Amino acid sequence: MSLTLLLPPSETKRPGGDGPALDLSTLAFPQLRDVRERVLTGLTELVGGDPEVALKALGLTLGQRDQLALDAALQTAPTSPALFRYTGVLYDAFDPAGLTPAQRKRAADRVVITSALFGAVRGGDLIPAYRFSAGARLPGLGTLGALWKPVLGPALAELPGLVVDLRSGAYMQLGPVPGAITVRVLYVAPDGSRSVVSHFNKHAKGLLTRALATTTAKVNDPAGVVRVAAKAGLSAERHGPRGVDVLLHEPPAGTPAARRLRGE
């Protein structure tokens, strides 16, 4: 059975790349092309106009004005595989650059990154750097949810096999997958009480992504996700019929908080 990992994008992107300019015809999920073209056109027109209007629509500050140049160059900028384009806490923990060639191939096949700009791309799809989040608004096009949900939800619903949804709420709303396995990250206090983790949520999900993206084991259900997590050194358990909880008893290894706890 095939396995798909649904990931959120990140605000930060690795610049540059050595791939050709963006070609929408090469991206996975061709049924999204019409909306992709509308969003790309709307974004290009937005950043080509009044900078203050563009900054407000994209939720950027004056100090982030340089980000508008990324969107202005979307049609001509070099590309790189989506697997390596995104940065930030989740992707740093995932660390696709540190995988073996065989692991990278499995990861590229399994990872699908949902995006306010492209709807969804597979790990091997070639995309440019950009700045565009789920909370942005394009003049004349309404909300991104209204644009994407009618086409992205059905496209993701057609994914075969097991789908593990590691996205944040905003990106789940762009394209819900009702039958997917969802993942929570919980902190377990010394007294046994549990609370939802915010600060280390992305780091833990990145570690789980790495484990699931590279495993050679068959993962057919939530129990399989738990087994792969355990093999990777993560504490996890099932939560309801379609949920998995990753349990943190202390800050994840390698994080600044963990080093402070050890007195380093």
C-alpha atoms as a PDB file:
ATOM      1  CA  MET A   1       0.000   0.000   0.000  1.00  0.00           C
ATOM      2  CA  SER A   2       1.298   3.462  -0.878  1.00  0.00           C
ATOM      3  CA  LEU A   3       1.977   6.098   1.750  1.00  0.00           C
ATOM      4  CA  THR A   4       1.537   9.869   1.421  1.00  0.00           C
ATOM      5  CA  LEU A   5       2.702  12.478   3.911  1.00  0.00           C
ATOM      6  CA  LEU A   6       0.863  15.794   3.691  1.00  0.00           C
ATOM      7  CA  LEU A   7       3.101  18.633   4.879  1.00  0.00           C
ATOM      8  CA  PRO A   8       2.515  22.349   5.301  1.00  0.00           C
ATOM      9  CA  PRO A   9       4.786  24.783   3.469  1.00  0.00           C
ATOM     10  CA  SER A  10       6.967  27.205   5.401  1.00  0.00           C
ATOM     11  CA  GLU A  11       7.194  30.983   5.313  1.00  0.00           C
ATOM     12  CA  THR A  12      10.922  30.751   4.686  1.00  0.00           C
ATOM     13  CA  LYS A  13      12.348  29.270   1.485  1.00  0.00           C
ATOM     14  CA  ARG A  14      15.835  28.332   0.403  1.00  0.00           C
ATOM     15  CA  PRO A  15      16.836  30.841  -2.313  1.00  0.00           C
ATOM     16  CA  GLY A  16      18.125  30.096  -5.783  1.00  0.00           C
ATOM     17  CA  GLY A  17      18.223  26.710  -7.435  1.00  0.00           C
ATOM     18  CA  ASP A  18      19.652  25.146 -10.578  1.00  0.00           C
ATOM     19  CA  GLY A  19      16.413  24.098 -12.249  1.00  0.00           C
ATOM     20  CA  PRO A  20      14.692  25.770 -15.221  1.00  0.00           C
ATOM     21  CA  ALA A  21      12.012  28.435 -14.887  1.00  0.00           C
ATOM     22  CA  LEU A  22       8.639  27.398 -13.518  1.00  0.00           C
ATOM     23  CA  ASP A  23       6.586  25.213 -15.851  1.00  0.00           C
ATOM     24  CA  LEU A  24       3.110  24.518 -14.491  1.00  0.00           C
ATOM     25  CA  SER A  25       2.637  21.646 -16.930  1.00  0.00           C
ATOM     26  CA  THR A  26       5.317  19.634 -15.107  1.00  0.00           C
ATOM     27  CA  LEU A  27       3.740  19.842 -11.650  1.00  0.00           C
ATOM     28  CA  ALA A  28       1.816  16.992 -10.050  1.00  0.00           C
ATOM     29  CA  PHE A  29      -1.958  17.313  -9.697  1.00  0.00           C
ATOM     30  CA  PRO A  30      -2.621  18.797 -13.157  1.00  0.00           C
ATOM     31  CA  GLN A  31      -6.281  19.278 -12.230  1.00  0.00           C
ATOM     32  CA  LEU A  32      -5.129  22.260 -10.143  1.00  0.00           C
ATOM     33  CA  ARG A  33      -3.616  24.117 -13.087  1.00  0.00           C
ATOM     34  CA  ASP A  34      -6.499  26.512 -13.708  1.00  0.00           C
ATOM     35  CA  VAL A  35      -6.478  27.823 -10.142  1.00  0.00           C
ATOM     36  CA  ARG A  36      -2.681  27.885 -10.122  1.00  0.00           C
ATOM     37  CA  GLU A  37      -2.712  30.156 -13.158  1.00  0.00           C
ATOM     38  CA  ARG A  38      -5.299  32.452 -11.603  1.00  0.00           C
ATOM     39  CA  VAL A  39      -3.340  32.744  -8.358  1.00  0.00           C
ATOM     40  CA  LEU A  40      -0.009  33.265 -10.131  1.00  0.00           C
ATOM     41  CA  THR A  41      -1.497  35.960 -12.357  1.00  0.00           C
ATOM     42  CA  GLY A  42      -3.160  37.689  -9.413  1.00  0.00           C
ATOM     43  CA  LEU A  43       0.012  37.598  -7.335  1.00  0.00           C
ATOM     44  CA  THR A  44       2.176  38.887 -10.186  1.00  0.00           C
ATOM     45  CA  GLU A  45      -0.208  41.790 -10.783  1.00  0.00           C
ATOM     46  CA  LEU A  46      -0.350  42.546  -7.061  1.00  0.00           C
ATOM     47  CA  VAL A  47       3.417  42.810  -6.545  1.00  0.00           C
ATOM     48  CA  GLY A  48       3.797  44.761  -9.784  1.00  0.00           C
ATOM     49  CA  GLY A  49       1.591  47.544  -8.412  1.00  0.00           C
ATOM     50  CA  ASP A  50       1.619  49.677  -5.276  1.00  0.00           C
ATOM     51  CA  PRO A  51       4.128  48.129  -2.807  1.00  0.00           C
ATOM     52  CA  GLU A  52       2.124  49.240   0.231  1.00  0.00           C
ATOM     53  CA  VAL A  53      -1.005  47.545  -1.087  1.00  0.00           C
ATOM     54  CA  ALA A  54       0.990  44.393  -1.834  1.00  0.00           C
ATOM     55  CA  LEU A  55       2.590  44.298   1.608  1.00  0.00           C
ATOM     56  CA  LYS A  56      -0.788  44.617   3.300  1.00  0.00           C
ATOM     57  CA  ALA A  57      -2.433  41.954   1.115  1.00  0.00           C
ATOM     58  CA  LEU A  58       0.425  39.519   1.741  1.00  0.00           C
ATOM     59  CA  GLY A  59       0.633  40.232   5.469  1.00  0.00           C
ATOM     60  CA  LEU A  60       4.188  41.543   5.252  1.00  0.00           C
ATOM     61  CA  THR A  61       5.880  44.415   7.068  1.00  0.00           C
ATOM     62  CA  LEU A  62       7.911  47.237   5.568  1.00  0.00           C
ATOM     63  CA  GLY A  63      11.022  45.384   6.701  1.00  0.00           C
ATOM     64  CA  GLN A  64       9.985  42.445   4.507  1.00  0.00           C
ATOM     65  CA  ARG A  65       9.618  44.526   1.355  1.00  0.00           C
ATOM     66  CA  ASP A  66      12.419  42.564  -0.302  1.00  0.00           C
ATOM     67  CA  GLN A  67      10.096  39.534  -0.314  1.00  0.00           C
ATOM     68  CA  LEU A  68       8.019  41.194  -3.036  1.00  0.00           C
ATOM     69  CA  ALA A  69      10.932  40.681  -5.436  1.00  0.00           C
ATOM     70  CA  LEU A  70      10.597  36.910  -5.040  1.00  0.00           C
ATOM     71  CA  ASP A  71       7.000  37.009  -6.215  1.00  0.00           C
ATOM     72  CA  ALA A  72       7.770  39.444  -9.016  1.00  0.00           C
ATOM     73  CA  ALA A  73      10.270  36.923 -10.446  1.00  0.00           C
ATOM     74  CA  LEU A  74       8.102  33.801 -10.149  1.00  0.00           C
ATOM     75  CA  GLN A  75       7.942  33.185 -13.901  1.00  0.00           C
ATOM     76  CA  THR A  76      11.694  33.512 -14.522  1.00  0.00           C
ATOM     77  CA  ALA A  77      13.463  32.534 -11.287  1.00  0.00           C
ATOM     78  CA  PRO A  78      15.439  29.264 -11.049  1.00  0.00           C
ATOM     79  CA  THR A  79      13.687  26.313  -9.471  1.00  0.00           C
ATOM     80  CA  SER A  80      14.587  23.448  -7.170  1.00  0.00           C
ATOM     81  CA  PRO A  81      12.698  20.364  -5.976  1.00  0.00           C
ATOM     82  CA  ALA A  82      10.009  21.259  -3.451  1.00  0.00           C
ATOM     83  CA  LEU A  83      11.592  18.792  -1.048  1.00  0.00           C
ATOM     84  CA  PHE A  84      14.587  21.128  -0.726  1.00  0.00           C
ATOM     85  CA  ARG A  85      12.889  24.495  -1.271  1.00  0.00           C
ATOM     86  CA  TYR A  86      11.266  24.859   2.144  1.00  0.00           C
ATOM     87  CA  THR A  87      13.183  25.632   5.323  1.00  0.00           C
ATOM     88  CA  GLY A  88      12.220  26.252   8.947  1.00  0.00           C
ATOM     89  CA  VAL A  89      11.796  24.087  12.026  1.00  0.00           C
ATOM     90  CA  LEU A  90       9.841  21.190  10.495  1.00  0.00           C
ATOM     91  CA  TYR A  91      12.051  20.949   7.414  1.00  0.00           C
ATOM     92  CA  ASP A  92      15.256  21.319   9.427  1.00  0.00           C
ATOM     93  CA  ALA A  93      14.212  18.301  11.515  1.00  0.00           C
ATOM     94  CA  PHE A  94      13.144  16.414   8.386  1.00  0.00           C
ATOM     95  CA  ASP A  95      16.535  17.253   6.819  1.00  0.00           C
ATOM     96  CA  PRO A  96      15.970  15.866   3.303  1.00  0.00           C
ATOM     97  CA  ALA A  97      19.463  17.007   2.260  1.00  0.00           C
ATOM     98  CA  GLY A  98      20.910  14.534   4.765  1.00  0.00           C
ATOM     99  CA  LEU A  99      19.153  11.518   3.251  1.00  0.00           C
ATOM    100  CA  THR A 100      20.785   8.864   1.106  1.00  0.00           C
ATOM    101  CA  PRO A 101      19.862   8.834  -2.611  1.00  0.00           C
ATOM    102  CA  ALA A 102      17.484   5.903  -2.044  1.00  0.00           C
ATOM    103  CA  GLN A 103      15.869   7.664   0.919  1.00  0.00           C
ATOM    104  CA  ARG A 104      15.498  10.879  -1.086  1.00  0.00           C
ATOM    105  CA  LYS A 105      13.671   9.014  -3.821  1.00  0.00           C
ATOM    106  CA  ARG A 106      11.244   7.481  -1.317  1.00  0.00           C
ATOM    107  CA  ALA A 107      10.742  10.874   0.316  1.00  0.00           C
ATOM    108  CA  ALA A 108      10.121  12.625  -3.009  1.00  0.00           C
ATOM    109  CA  ASP A 109       7.498  10.010  -3.887  1.00  0.00           C
ATOM    110  CA  ARG A 110       5.748  10.146  -0.513  1.00  0.00           C
ATOM    111  CA  VAL A 111       5.810  13.826   0.415  1.00  0.00           C
ATOM    112  CA  VAL A 112       3.065  16.161  -0.799  1.00  0.00           C
ATOM    113  CA  ILE A 113       3.369  19.792   0.292  1.00  0.00           C
ATOM    114  CA  THR A 114       0.196  21.848   0.265  1.00  0.00           C
ATOM    115  CA  SER A 115       0.694  25.437  -0.750  1.00  0.00           C
ATOM    116  CA  ALA A 116      -1.332  28.623  -1.020  1.00  0.00           C
ATOM    117  CA  LEU A 117       0.429  29.308  -4.317  1.00  0.00           C
ATOM    118  CA  PHE A 118       0.418  25.899  -6.023  1.00  0.00           C
ATOM    119  CA  GLY A 119      -2.313  24.048  -4.132  1.00  0.00           C
ATOM    120  CA  ALA A 120      -0.189  20.944  -3.714  1.00  0.00           C
ATOM    121  CA  VAL A 121       3.131  19.744  -5.099  1.00  0.00           C
ATOM    122  CA  ARG A 122       5.073  16.534  -4.773  1.00  0.00           C
ATOM    123  CA  GLY A 123       8.561  16.517  -3.319  1.00  0.00           C
ATOM    124  CA  GLY A 124      10.211  16.255  -6.716  1.00  0.00           C
ATOM    125  CA  ASP A 125       8.277  19.092  -8.363  1.00  0.00           C
ATOM    126  CA  LEU A 126      10.451  22.016  -9.427  1.00  0.00           C
ATOM    127  CA  ILE A 127       9.320  25.320  -7.915  1.00  0.00           C
ATOM    128  CA  PRO A 128      10.871  28.781  -7.374  1.00  0.00           C
ATOM    129  CA  ALA A 129      11.281  30.599  -4.075  1.00  0.00           C
ATOM    130  CA  TYR A 130       8.252  32.719  -3.179  1.00  0.00           C
ATOM    131  CA  ARG A 131       6.413  34.421  -0.324  1.00  0.00           C
ATOM    132  CA  PHE A 132       2.696  33.714  -0.172  1.00  0.00           C
ATOM    133  CA  SER A 133       0.771  32.290   2.776  1.00  0.00           C
ATOM    134  CA  ALA A 134      -2.716  30.895   3.359  1.00  0.00           C
ATOM    135  CA  GLY A 135      -3.758  34.145   5.036  1.00  0.00           C
ATOM    136  CA  ALA A 136      -2.971  36.346   2.015  1.00  0.00           C
ATOM    137  CA  ARG A 137      -5.691  37.924  -0.097  1.00  0.00           C
ATOM    138  CA  LEU A 138      -5.501  38.687  -3.794  1.00  0.00           C
ATOM    139  CA  PRO A 139      -7.642  41.606  -5.000  1.00  0.00           C
ATOM    140  CA  GLY A 140     -10.632  40.386  -6.968  1.00  0.00           C
ATOM    141  CA  LEU A 141     -10.121  36.699  -6.177  1.00  0.00           C
ATOM    142  CA  GLY A 142     -11.635  36.430  -2.706  1.00  0.00           C
ATOM    143  CA  THR A 143     -10.195  34.161  -0.043  1.00  0.00           C
ATOM    144  CA  LEU A 144      -7.695  31.454  -0.889  1.00  0.00           C
ATOM    145  CA  GLY A 145      -9.918  28.944   0.861  1.00  0.00           C
ATOM    146  CA  ALA A 146     -12.757  29.708  -1.520  1.00  0.00           C
ATOM    147  CA  LEU A 147     -10.381  29.292  -4.474  1.00  0.00           C
ATOM    148  CA  TRP A 148      -8.601  26.131  -3.443  1.00  0.00           C
ATOM    149  CA  LYS A 149     -11.046  24.044  -1.433  1.00  0.00           C
ATOM    150  CA  PRO A 150     -13.343  23.049  -4.339  1.00  0.00           C
ATOM    151  CA  VAL A 151     -10.425  21.648  -6.361  1.00  0.00           C
ATOM    152  CA  LEU A 152      -7.713  20.812  -3.836  1.00  0.00           C
ATOM    153  CA  GLY A 153      -9.935  18.763  -1.532  1.00  0.00           C
ATOM    154  CA  PRO A 154     -11.056  16.400  -4.325  1.00  0.00           C
ATOM    155  CA  ALA A 155      -7.492  16.147  -5.686  1.00  0.00           C
ATOM    156  CA  LEU A 156      -6.096  15.095  -2.316  1.00  0.00           C
ATOM    157  CA  ALA A 157      -9.038  12.748  -1.731  1.00  0.00           C
ATOM    158  CA  GLU A 158      -7.848  10.756  -4.768  1.00  0.00           C
ATOM    159  CA  LEU A 159      -4.471   9.984  -3.178  1.00  0.00           C
ATOM    160  CA  PRO A 160      -4.148   6.189  -2.959  1.00  0.00           C
ATOM    161  CA  GLY A 161      -3.230   4.254   0.139  1.00  0.00           C
ATOM    162  CA  LEU A 162      -2.580   5.698   3.567  1.00  0.00           C
ATOM    163  CA  VAL A 163      -2.437   9.481   4.016  1.00  0.00           C
ATOM    164  CA  VAL A 164      -0.797  10.989   7.109  1.00  0.00           C
ATOM    165  CA  ASP A 165      -1.743  14.638   7.497  1.00  0.00           C
ATOM    166  CA  LEU A 166       0.909  16.682   9.316  1.00  0.00           C
ATOM    167  CA  ARG A 167      -0.374  20.080   8.209  1.00  0.00           C
ATOM    168  CA  SER A 168      -1.386  23.042  10.327  1.00  0.00           C
ATOM    169  CA  GLY A 169      -5.054  23.996  10.514  1.00  0.00           C
ATOM    170  CA  ALA A 170      -4.856  26.788   7.922  1.00  0.00           C
ATOM    171  CA  TYR A 171      -3.535  24.441   5.256  1.00  0.00           C
ATOM    172  CA  MET A 172      -5.892  21.627   6.215  1.00  0.00           C
ATOM    173  CA  GLN A 173      -8.724  24.048   5.472  1.00  0.00           C
ATOM    174  CA  LEU A 174      -7.440  24.680   1.933  1.00  0.00           C
ATOM    175  CA  GLY A 175      -7.861  20.994   1.118  1.00  0.00           C
ATOM    176  CA  PRO A 176      -9.364  18.738   3.808  1.00  0.00           C
ATOM    177  CA  VAL A 177      -8.737  14.975   3.656  1.00  0.00           C
ATOM    178  CA  PRO A 178     -11.388  13.471   5.967  1.00  0.00           C
ATOM    179  CA  GLY A 179      -9.953   9.927   5.924  1.00  0.00           C
ATOM    180  CA  ALA A 180      -6.360  10.895   6.690  1.00  0.00           C
ATOM    181  CA  ILE A 181      -4.476  10.031   9.849  1.00  0.00           C
ATOM    182  CA  THR A 182      -3.894  13.185  11.873  1.00  0.00           C
ATOM    183  CA  VAL A 183      -0.993  13.802  14.246  1.00  0.00           C
ATOM    184  CA  ARG A 184      -0.920  15.691  17.528  1.00  0.00           C
ATOM    185  CA  VAL A 185       2.190  16.528  19.562  1.00  0.00           C
ATOM    186  CA  LEU A 186       1.611  16.461  23.320  1.00  0.00           C
ATOM    187  CA  TYR A 187       3.826  17.273  26.290  1.00  0.00           C
ATOM    188  CA  VAL A 188       3.574  14.801  29.159  1.00  0.00           C
ATOM    189  CA  ALA A 189       4.287  16.532  32.490  1.00  0.00           C
ATOM    190  CA  PRO A 190       5.939  14.701  35.405  1.00  0.00           C
ATOM    191  CA  ASP A 191       2.505  14.322  37.041  1.00  0.00           C
ATOM    192  CA  GLY A 192       1.213  12.571  33.915  1.00  0.00           C
ATOM    193  CA  SER A 193      -0.969  15.440  32.681  1.00  0.00           C
ATOM    194  CA  ARG A 194      -0.871  16.200  28.979  1.00  0.00           C
ATOM    195  CA  SER A 195      -1.046  19.424  27.015  1.00  0.00           C
ATOM    196  CA  VAL A 196      -0.817  20.345  23.352  1.00  0.00           C
ATOM    197  CA  VAL A 197       2.687  21.395  22.352  1.00  0.00           C
ATOM    198  CA  SER A 198       3.166  24.563  20.336  1.00  0.00           C
ATOM    199  CA  HIS A 199       6.877  25.382  20.478  1.00  0.00           C
ATOM    200  CA  PHE A 200       8.185  21.905  19.613  1.00  0.00           C
ATOM    201  CA  ASN A 201       5.254  20.813  17.488  1.00  0.00           C
ATOM    202  CA  LYS A 202       6.984  21.421  14.154  1.00  0.00           C
ATOM    203  CA  HIS A 203      10.254  19.829  15.276  1.00  0.00           C
ATOM    204  CA  ALA A 204       8.532  16.627  16.383  1.00  0.00           C
ATOM    205  CA  LYS A 205       6.500  16.468  13.174  1.00  0.00           C
ATOM    206  CA  GLY A 206       9.687  16.929  11.167  1.00  0.00           C
ATOM    207  CA  LEU A 207      11.282  13.950  12.918  1.00  0.00           C
ATOM    208  CA  LEU A 208       8.189  11.857  12.294  1.00  0.00           C
ATOM    209  CA  THR A 209       8.179  12.942   8.644  1.00  0.00           C
ATOM    210  CA  ARG A 210      11.781  11.811   8.259  1.00  0.00           C
ATOM    211  CA  ALA A 211      10.992   8.431   9.785  1.00  0.00           C
ATOM    212  CA  LEU A 212       7.895   7.841   7.655  1.00  0.00           C
ATOM    213  CA  ALA A 213       9.388   9.252   4.448  1.00  0.00           C
ATOM    214  CA  THR A 214      12.360   6.894   4.578  1.00  0.00           C
ATOM    215  CA  THR A 215      11.041   3.723   6.150  1.00  0.00           C
ATOM    216  CA  THR A 216      11.099   0.479   4.170  1.00  0.00           C
ATOM    217  CA  ALA A 217       8.393  -0.993   6.404  1.00  0.00           C
ATOM    218  CA  LYS A 218       4.812  -1.260   5.188  1.00  0.00           C
ATOM    219  CA  VAL A 219       2.654   1.358   6.881  1.00  0.00           C
ATOM    220  CA  ASN A 220      -1.026   0.550   6.435  1.00  0.00           C
ATOM    221  CA  ASP A 221      -2.708   2.053   9.486  1.00  0.00           C
ATOM    222  CA  PRO A 222      -2.175   4.203  12.612  1.00  0.00           C
ATOM    223  CA  ALA A 223      -0.502   1.269  14.382  1.00  0.00           C
ATOM    224  CA  GLY A 224       2.079   1.181  11.592  1.00  0.00           C
ATOM    225  CA  VAL A 225       2.765   4.888  12.073  1.00  0.00           C
ATOM    226  CA  VAL A 226       3.299   4.274  15.789  1.00  0.00           C
ATOM    227  CA  ARG A 227       5.724   1.415  15.079  1.00  0.00           C
ATOM    228  CA  VAL A 228       7.802   3.518  12.674  1.00  0.00           C
ATOM    229  CA  ALA A 229       7.840   6.394  15.179  1.00  0.00           C
ATOM    230  CA  ALA A 230       9.047   4.075  17.943  1.00  0.00           C
ATOM    231  CA  LYS A 231      11.830   2.696  15.752  1.00  0.00           C
ATOM    232  CA  ALA A 232      12.957   6.296  15.166  1.00  0.00           C
ATOM    233  CA  GLY A 233      13.102   6.932  18.919  1.00  0.00           C
ATOM    234  CA  LEU A 234       9.827   8.819  19.187  1.00  0.00           C
ATOM    235  CA  SER A 235       7.226   8.056  21.816  1.00  0.00           C
ATOM    236  CA  ALA A 236       3.858   7.722  20.109  1.00  0.00           C
ATOM    237  CA  GLU A 237       0.481   6.107  20.602  1.00  0.00           C
ATOM    238  CA  ARG A 238      -2.851   5.863  18.867  1.00  0.00           C
ATOM    239  CA  HIS A 239      -5.534   8.445  19.500  1.00  0.00           C
ATOM    240  CA  GLY A 240      -8.989   7.387  18.388  1.00  0.00           C
ATOM    241  CA  PRO A 241      -9.568   5.507  15.136  1.00  0.00           C
ATOM    242  CA  ARG A 242      -7.556   7.845  12.852  1.00  0.00           C
ATOM    243  CA  GLY A 243      -5.186   9.716  15.138  1.00  0.00           C
ATOM    244  CA  VAL A 244      -1.610   9.401  16.394  1.00  0.00           C
ATOM    245  CA  ASP A 245      -0.141  11.296  19.342  1.00  0.00           C
ATOM    246  CA  VAL A 246       3.591  11.992  19.554  1.00  0.00           C
ATOM    247  CA  LEU A 247       4.468  12.318  23.238  1.00  0.00           C
ATOM    248  CA  LEU A 248       7.252  14.563  24.519  1.00  0.00           C
ATOM    249  CA  HIS A 249       8.500  14.053  28.055  1.00  0.00           C
ATOM    250  CA  GLU A 250      11.266  16.614  27.595  1.00  0.00           C
ATOM    251  CA  PRO A 251      12.437  18.939  24.808  1.00  0.00           C
ATOM    252  CA  PRO A 252      13.488  17.067  21.635  1.00  0.00           C
ATOM    253  CA  ALA A 253      17.161  16.123  21.399  1.00  0.00           C
ATOM    254  CA  GLY A 254      19.301  18.652  19.588  1.00  0.00           C
ATOM    255  CA  THR A 255      17.104  21.669  20.368  1.00  0.00           C
ATOM    256  CA  PRO A 256      18.427  24.632  22.384  1.00  0.00           C
ATOM    257  CA  ALA A 257      15.996  23.797  25.205  1.00  0.00           C
ATOM    258  CA  ALA A 258      17.352  20.248  25.432  1.00  0.00           C
ATOM    259  CA  ARG A 259      20.920  21.534  25.604  1.00  0.00           C
ATOM    260  CA  ARG A 260      19.975  23.969  28.361  1.00  0.00           C
ATOM    261  CA  LEU A 261      18.326  21.130  30.277  1.00  0.00           C
ATOM    262  CA  ARG A 262      21.614  19.204  30.133  1.00  0.00           C
ATOM    263  CA  GLY A 263      23.563  22.285  31.202  1.00  0.00           C
ATOM    264  CA  GLU A 264      25.450  22.629  27.925  1.00  0.00           C
END
